[in-house]
Structures are given as C-alpha cells and as structure tokens.
Amino acid sequence: MGRNPLTALGVAVSWLTVAPVPSPRVDMDRRTGGAAITAVPLVGALLGGIAAAAGYGLSFTALPDLLVGVLLVALLALATRGMHVDGLADTADGLGCYGDEVRVREVMRSGDVGPFGAATLAVVLGAQAVAFGALSADERWWDIVFAVALARVAAVYVCRAGLPPANSNGFGALVAGTQRWSILVWTVVAATAAWPLGVRALCAVAAVAVLSYVFSAHCRRRMGGIAGDVIGAAVELSTALALIVLLV
C-alpha cells in the first residue's frame, strides 16, 4: 500500500462504517492496517459530525432528552455496523471468564453475548445515551463531535508498538503494534481541538489516553495481545468516558 493519506482514509471508512464508498484496491496487509488505524480519528470526526447533526435536528422535536441520546447511540452503532458494540460485549465476556489466555480468546471468538457482555453493554451504552441527551439539551454540538472523534484516538493508542496481536489472524493481526509517531500526532491534535472547548475537554483527552493504555495493557496480560474486539471495546469505553468528563 502506498503512503497516500486519502487511500488510508478510504480503507478506514470502508472498514469501519457503512458508508457506500468503494474499497481501495490495496493489499490487506499490516502496512495497510497500520495506515488505516492512523486515519481512524478522521473517521471519528465524520461520525461525530453526523451524530451532532442528528442531535441538532432532533432538538426541534418534542422528544425527551434521554430518547434523543438513545437514538444517537443507535445511529452510531448502525453507522459502524455495530462492530464496536460487538467488540465491547465480546471483550467483557472474555475478561470476565476464568481461565488462561487460550480460554479468554475462545470465549471472545464464540460470538455469544454472556452475562458480563450484556451487563457491560447496558452500563456503557446507557451512560452514552444519557450523556448524549444532556449535551444535546444544552446544544453542545461541538462537544459531541469532539467526544466521538476522541474515542477513535483510543484505537491509535491501543495499536501502539509493543503490543502484539492476540491471534495470528483477524483484524487484530493486521493492526496491533503498528502505531508509533501517530500516537504523538493525534494526542497533540486532540489537545489542540480540546483547548477552545475548555478544561473539561483537555481532561477528557488525558482520561481517554490513560484508559486506553491501562485497558490495553490489561488485555495483553489476560489474552496475550490485542484483538480487533479490544479496539472496539476501547472505542466504546472511551466514548462513554469522554462524554462523562465533558459533563462533570
């Protein structure tokens, strides 16, 4: 794959959203995967813009704030094929089971949603819905864009160099350990974007960075590396955390 940023963005959009864009004709190897992960925060900005626009439109209705938040969570899930939500449930079930690395990976790949996954989905998505509703009620549209985009920076952190893939195949094998300088670049970009929004936004950047590093390190201990589900889980957890910090 070439180093064309537009090609990397095209791969990221085709992989991570339902947008009807043609998939670039490139080899799906680790170079492609690494470039796509580098572009994921841009996809987040796009998704955040869509969510904010939807919230703005719904603000002209008589719908309760909580229902607006639920609809925005559903919109983001649909726009991303539910892959991050699925990753959160699978990761929660894997981390919640007893057993060694092999057992954790088996549980995560089973495809069934167990009690840990269901409970985690209820708490995390519920928190997102309440927070989206509160931000919409206050007409804080830029905060919504920022939170959704910032959560995708978590994907860059999770794919940092030094964390191996948990499996020899799958999405994790393509992207784990591929990010180096992009981590610094996106941290600076996130902090710069947070500055006009205030101290809470800057705290959200720090909180997401800490969560991503601690969570991915724990996943490596439990399952031997990073899987695609872990990336999705980090995105959903970071979305909830960023939204909560913005409301504190």
Protein backbone atom coordinates (compact mmCIF):
# COMPACT_ATOMS: atom_id res chain seq x y z
CA MET A 1 0.00 0.00 0.00
CA GLY A 2 1.20 3.48 -0.78
CA ARG A 3 1.52 6.25 1.75
CA ASN A 4 -1.31 8.27 0.23
CA PRO A 5 -3.37 9.59 3.19
CA LEU A 6 -6.53 9.60 1.10
CA THR A 7 -6.09 5.91 0.37
CA ALA A 8 -5.61 5.19 4.08
CA LEU A 9 -8.74 7.20 4.89
CA GLY A 10 -10.68 5.33 2.21
CA VAL A 11 -9.67 1.99 3.72
CA ALA A 12 -10.63 3.18 7.21
CA VAL A 13 -14.04 4.43 6.06
CA SER A 14 -14.79 1.24 4.11
CA TRP A 15 -13.69 -0.95 7.04
CA LEU A 16 -15.30 0.91 9.89
CA THR A 17 -18.51 2.43 8.55
CA VAL A 18 -21.46 1.55 6.36
CA ALA A 19 -20.67 4.44 4.02
CA PRO A 20 -21.09 3.25 0.40
CA VAL A 21 -17.53 4.01 -0.63
CA PRO A 22 -15.56 1.69 -2.92
CA SER A 23 -12.90 -0.26 -1.09
CA PRO A 24 -9.44 0.83 -2.34
CA ARG A 25 -7.59 -1.80 -4.33
CA VAL A 26 -4.72 -2.44 -1.97
CA ASP A 27 -3.16 -5.47 -0.31
CA MET A 28 -4.82 -6.04 3.06
CA ASP A 29 -1.58 -6.47 5.00
CA ARG A 30 -0.13 -4.90 8.13
CA ARG A 31 1.05 -1.84 6.22
CA THR A 32 -2.50 -1.25 5.05
CA GLY A 33 -3.88 -1.94 8.51
CA GLY A 34 -1.46 0.44 10.17
CA ALA A 35 -2.25 3.23 7.74
CA ALA A 36 -5.98 2.71 8.23
CA ILE A 37 -5.69 2.88 12.03
CA THR A 38 -3.74 6.13 11.69
CA ALA A 39 -6.74 7.56 9.83
CA VAL A 40 -9.39 6.27 12.25
CA PRO A 41 -9.69 9.56 14.23
CA LEU A 42 -10.72 11.27 10.99
CA VAL A 43 -13.49 8.70 10.65
CA GLY A 44 -14.42 9.56 14.21
CA ALA A 45 -14.70 13.24 13.33
CA LEU A 46 -17.02 12.30 10.46
CA LEU A 47 -19.18 10.13 12.71
CA GLY A 48 -19.21 12.81 15.38
CA GLY A 49 -20.40 15.35 12.86
CA ILE A 50 -23.21 13.04 11.79
CA ALA A 51 -24.24 12.44 15.41
CA ALA A 52 -24.17 16.16 16.20
CA ALA A 53 -26.21 16.97 13.09
CA ALA A 54 -28.76 14.33 14.03
CA GLY A 55 -28.94 15.70 17.58
CA TYR A 56 -29.45 19.20 16.21
CA GLY A 57 -32.28 18.00 14.02
CA LEU A 58 -33.92 16.11 16.88
CA SER A 59 -33.69 19.22 19.07
CA PHE A 60 -36.58 20.66 17.05
CA THR A 61 -38.85 17.81 18.14
CA ALA A 62 -40.62 17.24 21.45
CA LEU A 63 -38.67 14.05 22.14
CA PRO A 64 -37.29 13.65 25.70
CA ASP A 65 -33.56 14.26 26.07
CA LEU A 66 -32.90 10.65 27.06
CA LEU A 67 -34.65 9.34 23.97
CA VAL A 68 -32.55 11.68 21.82
CA GLY A 69 -29.46 10.21 23.45
CA VAL A 70 -30.66 6.65 22.80
CA LEU A 71 -31.27 7.49 19.15
CA LEU A 72 -27.76 8.94 18.78
CA VAL A 73 -26.23 5.79 20.30
CA ALA A 74 -28.29 3.68 17.90
CA LEU A 75 -27.26 5.87 14.97
CA LEU A 76 -23.56 5.46 15.75
CA ALA A 77 -23.99 1.71 16.18
CA LEU A 78 -25.72 1.43 12.81
CA ALA A 79 -23.16 3.66 11.11
CA THR A 80 -20.34 1.40 12.31
CA ARG A 81 -22.14 -1.92 11.64
CA GLY A 82 -22.28 -2.46 15.40
CA MET A 83 -18.69 -3.73 15.33
CA HIS A 84 -17.51 -1.64 18.29
CA VAL A 85 -20.55 -2.65 20.34
CA ASP A 86 -19.93 -6.29 19.47
CA GLY A 87 -16.26 -5.88 20.39
CA LEU A 88 -17.21 -4.43 23.78
CA ALA A 89 -19.51 -7.35 24.57
CA ASP A 90 -17.02 -10.00 23.43
CA THR A 91 -14.14 -8.40 25.33
CA ALA A 92 -16.20 -8.09 28.51
CA ASP A 93 -17.16 -11.76 28.33
CA GLY A 94 -13.55 -12.78 27.68
CA LEU A 95 -12.12 -10.73 30.52
CA GLY A 96 -14.87 -11.89 32.83
CA CYS A 97 -14.23 -15.59 32.39
CA TYR A 98 -11.90 -17.82 34.36
CA GLY A 99 -9.04 -19.42 32.50
CA ASP A 100 -5.79 -18.81 30.69
CA GLU A 101 -5.10 -16.82 27.53
CA VAL A 102 -6.43 -19.57 25.29
CA ARG A 103 -9.71 -19.74 27.18
CA VAL A 104 -10.15 -15.95 27.07
CA ARG A 105 -9.63 -15.93 23.31
CA GLU A 106 -12.06 -18.84 22.86
CA VAL A 107 -14.77 -17.02 24.78
CA MET A 108 -14.23 -13.84 22.78
CA ARG A 109 -14.48 -15.71 19.49
CA SER A 110 -17.60 -17.67 20.44
CA GLY A 111 -19.89 -14.89 19.21
CA ASP A 112 -22.38 -15.34 22.06
CA VAL A 113 -23.18 -12.49 24.45
CA GLY A 114 -22.85 -13.70 28.02
CA PRO A 115 -23.78 -12.05 31.33
CA PHE A 116 -20.63 -9.92 31.53
CA GLY A 117 -21.11 -8.70 27.97
CA ALA A 118 -24.78 -7.90 28.47
CA ALA A 119 -24.17 -6.02 31.72
CA THR A 120 -21.30 -4.06 30.21
CA LEU A 121 -23.37 -3.08 27.18
CA ALA A 122 -26.21 -1.90 29.40
CA VAL A 123 -23.95 0.28 31.55
CA VAL A 124 -21.71 1.72 28.83
CA LEU A 125 -24.38 2.35 26.20
CA GLY A 126 -26.76 3.62 28.87
CA ALA A 127 -24.17 6.12 30.05
CA GLN A 128 -23.57 7.22 26.48
CA ALA A 129 -27.27 7.74 25.86
CA VAL A 130 -27.76 9.85 28.99
CA ALA A 131 -24.68 11.91 28.20
CA PHE A 132 -25.59 12.45 24.54
CA GLY A 133 -29.05 13.53 25.65
CA ALA A 134 -27.65 16.01 28.18
CA LEU A 135 -25.22 17.53 25.68
CA SER A 136 -27.97 17.81 23.08
CA ALA A 137 -30.25 19.53 25.60
CA ASP A 138 -27.50 22.09 26.24
CA GLU A 139 -26.87 22.44 22.48
CA ARG A 140 -23.22 21.44 22.92
CA TRP A 141 -22.86 20.12 19.40
CA TRP A 142 -19.09 20.59 19.16
CA ASP A 143 -18.66 18.58 22.36
CA ILE A 144 -20.48 15.67 20.71
CA VAL A 145 -18.21 15.85 17.65
CA PHE A 146 -15.16 16.05 19.90
CA ALA A 147 -16.13 13.10 22.12
CA VAL A 148 -16.83 10.74 19.22
CA ALA A 149 -13.61 11.71 17.43
CA LEU A 150 -11.53 11.49 20.62
CA ALA A 151 -12.82 7.98 21.24
CA ARG A 152 -11.29 6.93 17.91
CA VAL A 153 -7.90 8.25 19.04
CA ALA A 154 -8.13 5.43 21.57
CA ALA A 155 -7.80 2.99 18.65
CA VAL A 156 -4.42 4.53 17.83
CA TYR A 157 -3.29 4.16 21.45
CA VAL A 158 -4.40 0.53 21.62
CA CYS A 159 -2.49 -0.34 18.43
CA ARG A 160 0.77 1.15 19.73
CA ALA A 161 4.10 -0.52 19.08
CA GLY A 162 4.98 -3.12 21.68
CA LEU A 163 1.54 -4.70 21.96
CA PRO A 164 1.39 -7.90 19.89
CA PRO A 165 -1.72 -9.39 18.29
CA ALA A 166 -3.57 -11.94 20.39
CA ASN A 167 -4.29 -14.10 17.36
CA SER A 168 -2.34 -14.93 14.23
CA ASN A 169 -5.26 -13.92 12.03
CA GLY A 170 -8.14 -11.50 12.08
CA PHE A 171 -8.29 -7.71 12.33
CA GLY A 172 -6.00 -7.57 15.36
CA ALA A 173 -3.23 -9.32 13.47
CA LEU A 174 -3.37 -6.60 10.81
CA VAL A 175 -3.20 -3.59 13.12
CA ALA A 176 -1.72 -4.47 16.53
CA GLY A 177 1.65 -2.84 17.18
CA THR A 178 1.55 -0.65 14.06
CA GLN A 179 1.33 2.83 15.62
CA ARG A 180 4.33 4.93 16.62
CA TRP A 181 4.55 8.63 15.73
CA SER A 182 0.82 8.78 15.03
CA ILE A 183 0.24 8.49 18.78
CA LEU A 184 2.05 11.75 19.46
CA VAL A 185 0.50 13.45 16.44
CA TRP A 186 -3.07 12.57 17.38
CA THR A 187 -2.51 13.43 21.04
CA VAL A 188 -1.37 16.91 20.01
CA VAL A 189 -4.28 17.26 17.58
CA ALA A 190 -6.76 16.15 20.26
CA ALA A 191 -5.32 18.56 22.83
CA THR A 192 -5.40 21.39 20.29
CA ALA A 193 -9.03 20.64 19.45
CA ALA A 194 -9.86 20.46 23.16
CA TRP A 195 -8.35 23.84 24.01
CA PRO A 196 -11.25 26.01 22.72
CA LEU A 197 -13.76 23.73 24.47
CA GLY A 198 -12.21 24.27 27.89
CA VAL A 199 -10.62 22.41 30.76
CA ARG A 200 -13.13 19.57 30.70
CA ALA A 201 -12.18 18.69 27.12
CA LEU A 202 -8.48 18.70 27.99
CA CYS A 203 -9.23 16.43 30.95
CA ALA A 204 -11.16 14.15 28.58
CA VAL A 205 -8.06 13.80 26.38
CA ALA A 206 -5.97 12.79 29.38
CA ALA A 207 -8.65 10.42 30.68
CA VAL A 208 -9.02 8.63 27.33
CA ALA A 209 -5.25 8.26 27.00
CA VAL A 210 -4.94 6.72 30.47
CA LEU A 211 -7.93 4.44 29.95
CA SER A 212 -6.63 3.23 26.59
CA TYR A 213 -3.16 2.44 27.90
CA VAL A 214 -4.33 0.73 31.09
CA PHE A 215 -7.13 -1.21 29.39
CA SER A 216 -4.97 -2.46 26.50
CA ALA A 217 -2.17 -3.44 28.88
CA HIS A 218 -4.65 -5.46 30.95
CA CYS A 219 -5.98 -7.14 27.81
CA ARG A 220 -2.46 -8.12 26.84
CA ARG A 221 -1.97 -9.76 30.24
CA ARG A 222 -5.23 -11.67 30.01
CA MET A 223 -5.23 -12.72 26.36
CA GLY A 224 -1.61 -12.41 25.26
CA GLY A 225 -2.10 -9.45 22.96
CA ILE A 226 -4.59 -7.22 21.20
CA ALA A 227 -7.58 -8.38 19.17
CA GLY A 228 -9.97 -6.44 16.99
CA ASP A 229 -12.61 -6.74 19.70
CA VAL A 230 -10.31 -4.95 22.14
CA ILE A 231 -10.07 -1.99 19.79
CA GLY A 232 -13.86 -1.81 19.53
CA ALA A 233 -14.20 -2.08 23.30
CA ALA A 234 -11.69 0.73 23.81
CA VAL A 235 -13.64 2.96 21.43
CA GLU A 236 -16.97 2.40 23.22
CA LEU A 237 -15.45 2.79 26.69
CA SER A 238 -13.62 5.94 25.61
CA THR A 239 -16.80 7.40 24.13
CA ALA A 240 -18.60 6.96 27.44
CA LEU A 241 -15.65 8.29 29.44
CA ALA A 242 -15.14 11.35 27.23
CA LEU A 243 -18.84 12.22 27.39
CA ILE A 244 -18.92 11.84 31.18
CA VAL A 245 -15.84 14.02 31.69
CA LEU A 246 -17.31 16.69 29.43
CA LEU A 247 -20.37 16.80 31.68
CA VAL A 248 -18.59 16.83 35.04
